[in-house]
Amino acid sequence: MRLVYLLIVLAFPLLDLYATVRVARWTNVPAWAWLGLPLVAGFLLLRNERLAFRARTIAAMHGEESLLRGLFDSGRKVLAGLLLLLPGVISDVMALVLLALPLNIGNRDHVPHAAAFGRAARRAPFEGEYRRVE
């Protein structure tokens, strides 16, 4: 059974590269474009999701958003970014399908961005009245 798993894991990248070459011939677009552009998109998606994950975590600590929903949405985007990093058209289509799934429908009223992370960090940690006791 382990041999079957090993063959599947090793055969997928080869079939994916074969499909990429076939699609490149069919569309008359160079194969390096089919391999390079999703690579750049994957790196950008992972970089932006790193910043958005921080903002979602801070929003969850303030009670503005569900932590589980933010983790699930971030995990979905990270998996899509990793699939975009893999060379081939099949993995890119799987990543686009994963990104297109409407899984974050319920909580659209507050979506934190990377700029919100900076504002939350500069905010005073304690607000209210206090009295010094000597």
C-alpha atoms as a PDB file:
ATOM      1  CA  MET A   1       0.000   0.000   0.000  1.00  0.00           C
ATOM      2  CA  ARG A   2       2.904   2.332   0.713  1.00  0.00           C
ATOM      3  CA  LEU A   3       4.213   1.716  -2.778  1.00  0.00           C
ATOM      4  CA  VAL A   4       0.874   2.807  -4.249  1.00  0.00           C
ATOM      5  CA  TYR A   5       0.954   6.034  -2.244  1.00  0.00           C
ATOM      6  CA  LEU A   6       4.543   6.656  -3.317  1.00  0.00           C
ATOM      7  CA  LEU A   7       3.659   6.125  -6.979  1.00  0.00           C
ATOM      8  CA  ILE A   8       0.717   8.520  -6.711  1.00  0.00           C
ATOM      9  CA  VAL A   9       2.842  11.196  -5.042  1.00  0.00           C
ATOM     10  CA  LEU A  10       5.588  10.830  -7.643  1.00  0.00           C
ATOM     11  CA  ALA A  11       3.277  10.515 -10.645  1.00  0.00           C
ATOM     12  CA  PHE A  12       1.193  13.628  -9.954  1.00  0.00           C
ATOM     13  CA  PRO A  13       3.948  16.192 -10.674  1.00  0.00           C
ATOM     14  CA  LEU A  14       4.953  14.353 -13.824  1.00  0.00           C
ATOM     15  CA  LEU A  15       1.381  14.213 -15.119  1.00  0.00           C
ATOM     16  CA  ASP A  16       0.923  17.844 -14.141  1.00  0.00           C
ATOM     17  CA  LEU A  17       4.010  18.903 -16.116  1.00  0.00           C
ATOM     18  CA  TYR A  18       2.871  16.825 -19.091  1.00  0.00           C
ATOM     19  CA  ALA A  19      -0.541  18.518 -18.989  1.00  0.00           C
ATOM     20  CA  THR A  20       1.169  21.918 -18.779  1.00  0.00           C
ATOM     21  CA  VAL A  21       3.229  21.245 -21.892  1.00  0.00           C
ATOM     22  CA  ARG A  22       0.117  20.068 -23.745  1.00  0.00           C
ATOM     23  CA  VAL A  23      -1.844  23.178 -22.700  1.00  0.00           C
ATOM     24  CA  ALA A  24       1.099  25.385 -23.695  1.00  0.00           C
ATOM     25  CA  ARG A  25       1.130  23.852 -27.180  1.00  0.00           C
ATOM     26  CA  TRP A  26      -2.646  24.097 -27.483  1.00  0.00           C
ATOM     27  CA  THR A  27      -2.808  27.772 -26.458  1.00  0.00           C
ATOM     28  CA  ASN A  28       0.485  28.884 -28.113  1.00  0.00           C
ATOM     29  CA  VAL A  29       1.582  30.408 -24.798  1.00  0.00           C
ATOM     30  CA  PRO A  30       5.122  29.529 -23.701  1.00  0.00           C
ATOM     31  CA  ALA A  31       5.367  26.830 -21.046  1.00  0.00           C
ATOM     32  CA  TRP A  32       7.493  29.088 -18.821  1.00  0.00           C
ATOM     33  CA  ALA A  33       4.526  31.475 -18.563  1.00  0.00           C
ATOM     34  CA  TRP A  34       2.268  28.618 -17.424  1.00  0.00           C
ATOM     35  CA  LEU A  35       4.883  27.666 -14.831  1.00  0.00           C
ATOM     36  CA  GLY A  36       6.242  31.070 -13.769  1.00  0.00           C
ATOM     37  CA  LEU A  37       3.181  33.271 -13.401  1.00  0.00           C
ATOM     38  CA  PRO A  38       1.348  30.976 -10.961  1.00  0.00           C
ATOM     39  CA  LEU A  39       4.590  30.708  -8.977  1.00  0.00           C
ATOM     40  CA  VAL A  40       4.678  34.481  -8.512  1.00  0.00           C
ATOM     41  CA  ALA A  41       0.943  34.507  -7.693  1.00  0.00           C
ATOM     42  CA  GLY A  42       1.485  31.790  -5.075  1.00  0.00           C
ATOM     43  CA  PHE A  43       4.251  33.760  -3.370  1.00  0.00           C
ATOM     44  CA  LEU A  44       2.122  36.914  -3.351  1.00  0.00           C
ATOM     45  CA  LEU A  45      -0.893  35.046  -1.979  1.00  0.00           C
ATOM     46  CA  LEU A  46       1.166  33.516   0.837  1.00  0.00           C
ATOM     47  CA  ARG A  47       2.731  36.885   1.693  1.00  0.00           C
ATOM     48  CA  ASN A  48      -0.610  38.690   1.817  1.00  0.00           C
ATOM     49  CA  GLU A  49      -2.250  35.894   3.788  1.00  0.00           C
ATOM     50  CA  ARG A  50       0.486  36.072   6.403  1.00  0.00           C
ATOM     51  CA  LEU A  51      -0.411  39.706   7.061  1.00  0.00           C
ATOM     52  CA  ALA A  52      -4.166  39.049   6.936  1.00  0.00           C
ATOM     53  CA  PHE A  53      -3.810  36.141   9.374  1.00  0.00           C
ATOM     54  CA  ARG A  54      -2.231  38.457  11.928  1.00  0.00           C
ATOM     55  CA  ALA A  55      -5.066  40.934  11.506  1.00  0.00           C
ATOM     56  CA  ARG A  56      -7.705  38.191  11.837  1.00  0.00           C
ATOM     57  CA  THR A  57      -6.062  36.849  14.979  1.00  0.00           C
ATOM     58  CA  ILE A  58      -6.044  40.281  16.608  1.00  0.00           C
ATOM     59  CA  ALA A  59      -9.669  40.832  15.586  1.00  0.00           C
ATOM     60  CA  ALA A  60     -10.569  37.482  17.142  1.00  0.00           C
ATOM     61  CA  MET A  61      -8.806  38.435  20.379  1.00  0.00           C
ATOM     62  CA  HIS A  62     -10.873  41.624  20.492  1.00  0.00           C
ATOM     63  CA  GLY A  63     -14.038  39.583  19.931  1.00  0.00           C
ATOM     64  CA  GLU A  64     -14.792  41.072  16.521  1.00  0.00           C
ATOM     65  CA  GLU A  65     -14.500  37.857  14.525  1.00  0.00           C
ATOM     66  CA  SER A  66     -14.621  34.116  15.089  1.00  0.00           C
ATOM     67  CA  LEU A  67     -11.154  32.610  15.429  1.00  0.00           C
ATOM     68  CA  LEU A  68     -12.216  29.299  13.900  1.00  0.00           C
ATOM     69  CA  ARG A  69     -13.647  30.972  10.797  1.00  0.00           C
ATOM     70  CA  GLY A  70     -10.459  33.017  10.373  1.00  0.00           C
ATOM     71  CA  LEU A  71      -8.245  29.952  10.764  1.00  0.00           C
ATOM     72  CA  PHE A  72     -10.299  27.984   8.258  1.00  0.00           C
ATOM     73  CA  ASP A  73     -10.247  30.807   5.719  1.00  0.00           C
ATOM     74  CA  SER A  74      -6.501  31.347   6.173  1.00  0.00           C
ATOM     75  CA  GLY A  75      -5.801  27.632   5.878  1.00  0.00           C
ATOM     76  CA  ARG A  76      -7.777  27.488   2.649  1.00  0.00           C
ATOM     77  CA  LYS A  77      -5.783  30.373   1.179  1.00  0.00           C
ATOM     78  CA  VAL A  78      -2.442  28.964   2.326  1.00  0.00           C
ATOM     79  CA  LEU A  79      -3.280  25.605   0.730  1.00  0.00           C
ATOM     80  CA  ALA A  80      -4.227  27.406  -2.488  1.00  0.00           C
ATOM     81  CA  GLY A  81      -0.935  29.318  -2.375  1.00  0.00           C
ATOM     82  CA  LEU A  82       1.017  26.107  -1.956  1.00  0.00           C
ATOM     83  CA  LEU A  83      -0.848  24.549  -4.873  1.00  0.00           C
ATOM     84  CA  LEU A  84       0.044  27.573  -6.993  1.00  0.00           C
ATOM     85  CA  LEU A  85       3.699  27.046  -6.102  1.00  0.00           C
ATOM     86  CA  LEU A  86       3.608  23.521  -7.528  1.00  0.00           C
ATOM     87  CA  PRO A  87       4.506  23.475 -11.219  1.00  0.00           C
ATOM     88  CA  GLY A  88       1.617  22.577 -13.479  1.00  0.00           C
ATOM     89  CA  VAL A  89      -1.805  23.501 -14.747  1.00  0.00           C
ATOM     90  CA  ILE A  90      -3.755  20.867 -12.827  1.00  0.00           C
ATOM     91  CA  SER A  91      -2.539  22.088  -9.440  1.00  0.00           C
ATOM     92  CA  ASP A  92      -3.244  25.686 -10.528  1.00  0.00           C
ATOM     93  CA  VAL A  93      -6.829  24.797 -11.411  1.00  0.00           C
ATOM     94  CA  MET A  94      -7.214  23.052  -8.048  1.00  0.00           C
ATOM     95  CA  ALA A  95      -5.917  26.215  -6.320  1.00  0.00           C
ATOM     96  CA  LEU A  96      -8.325  28.450  -8.237  1.00  0.00           C
ATOM     97  CA  VAL A  97     -11.256  26.200  -7.367  1.00  0.00           C
ATOM     98  CA  LEU A  98     -10.200  26.300  -3.731  1.00  0.00           C
ATOM     99  CA  LEU A  99     -10.023  30.095  -3.825  1.00  0.00           C
ATOM    100  CA  ALA A 100     -13.374  30.401  -5.599  1.00  0.00           C
ATOM    101  CA  LEU A 101     -15.315  28.402  -3.006  1.00  0.00           C
ATOM    102  CA  PRO A 102     -17.658  30.741  -1.092  1.00  0.00           C
ATOM    103  CA  LEU A 103     -16.758  29.428   2.348  1.00  0.00           C
ATOM    104  CA  ASN A 104     -16.664  32.750   4.223  1.00  0.00           C
ATOM    105  CA  ILE A 105     -20.250  33.887   3.587  1.00  0.00           C
ATOM    106  CA  GLY A 106     -21.525  34.244   7.144  1.00  0.00           C
ATOM    107  CA  ASN A 107     -19.366  37.054   8.542  1.00  0.00           C
ATOM    108  CA  ARG A 108     -18.978  39.799   5.941  1.00  0.00           C
ATOM    109  CA  ASP A 109     -19.524  42.765   8.282  1.00  0.00           C
ATOM    110  CA  HIS A 110     -15.911  42.911   9.508  1.00  0.00           C
ATOM    111  CA  VAL A 111     -13.011  41.818   7.334  1.00  0.00           C
ATOM    112  CA  PRO A 112      -9.686  42.939   8.807  1.00  0.00           C
ATOM    113  CA  HIS A 113      -6.884  43.995   6.529  1.00  0.00           C
ATOM    114  CA  ALA A 114      -3.171  44.310   7.047  1.00  0.00           C
ATOM    115  CA  ALA A 115      -3.543  48.029   7.848  1.00  0.00           C
ATOM    116  CA  ALA A 116      -5.853  47.159  10.743  1.00  0.00           C
ATOM    117  CA  PHE A 117      -3.030  45.146  12.284  1.00  0.00           C
ATOM    118  CA  GLY A 118      -0.867  48.260  12.524  1.00  0.00           C
ATOM    119  CA  ARG A 119      -3.675  50.369  14.009  1.00  0.00           C
ATOM    120  CA  ALA A 120      -4.497  47.719  16.604  1.00  0.00           C
ATOM    121  CA  ALA A 121      -0.872  47.486  17.688  1.00  0.00           C
ATOM    122  CA  ARG A 122      -0.622  51.264  18.244  1.00  0.00           C
ATOM    123  CA  ARG A 123      -3.807  51.425  20.318  1.00  0.00           C
ATOM    124  CA  ALA A 124      -3.469  51.915  24.061  1.00  0.00           C
ATOM    125  CA  PRO A 125      -3.820  48.578  25.857  1.00  0.00           C
ATOM    126  CA  PHE A 126      -5.817  49.959  28.798  1.00  0.00           C
ATOM    127  CA  GLU A 127      -8.517  52.564  28.519  1.00  0.00           C
ATOM    128  CA  GLY A 128     -10.557  53.994  31.343  1.00  0.00           C
ATOM    129  CA  GLU A 129     -10.078  55.792  34.616  1.00  0.00           C
ATOM    130  CA  TYR A 130      -7.499  54.861  37.192  1.00  0.00           C
ATOM    131  CA  ARG A 131      -6.324  56.062  40.576  1.00  0.00           C
ATOM    132  CA  ARG A 132      -2.772  55.952  41.910  1.00  0.00           C
ATOM    133  CA  VAL A 133      -2.445  54.277  45.311  1.00  0.00           C
ATOM    134  CA  GLU A 134       0.665  55.076  47.358  1.00  0.00           C
END
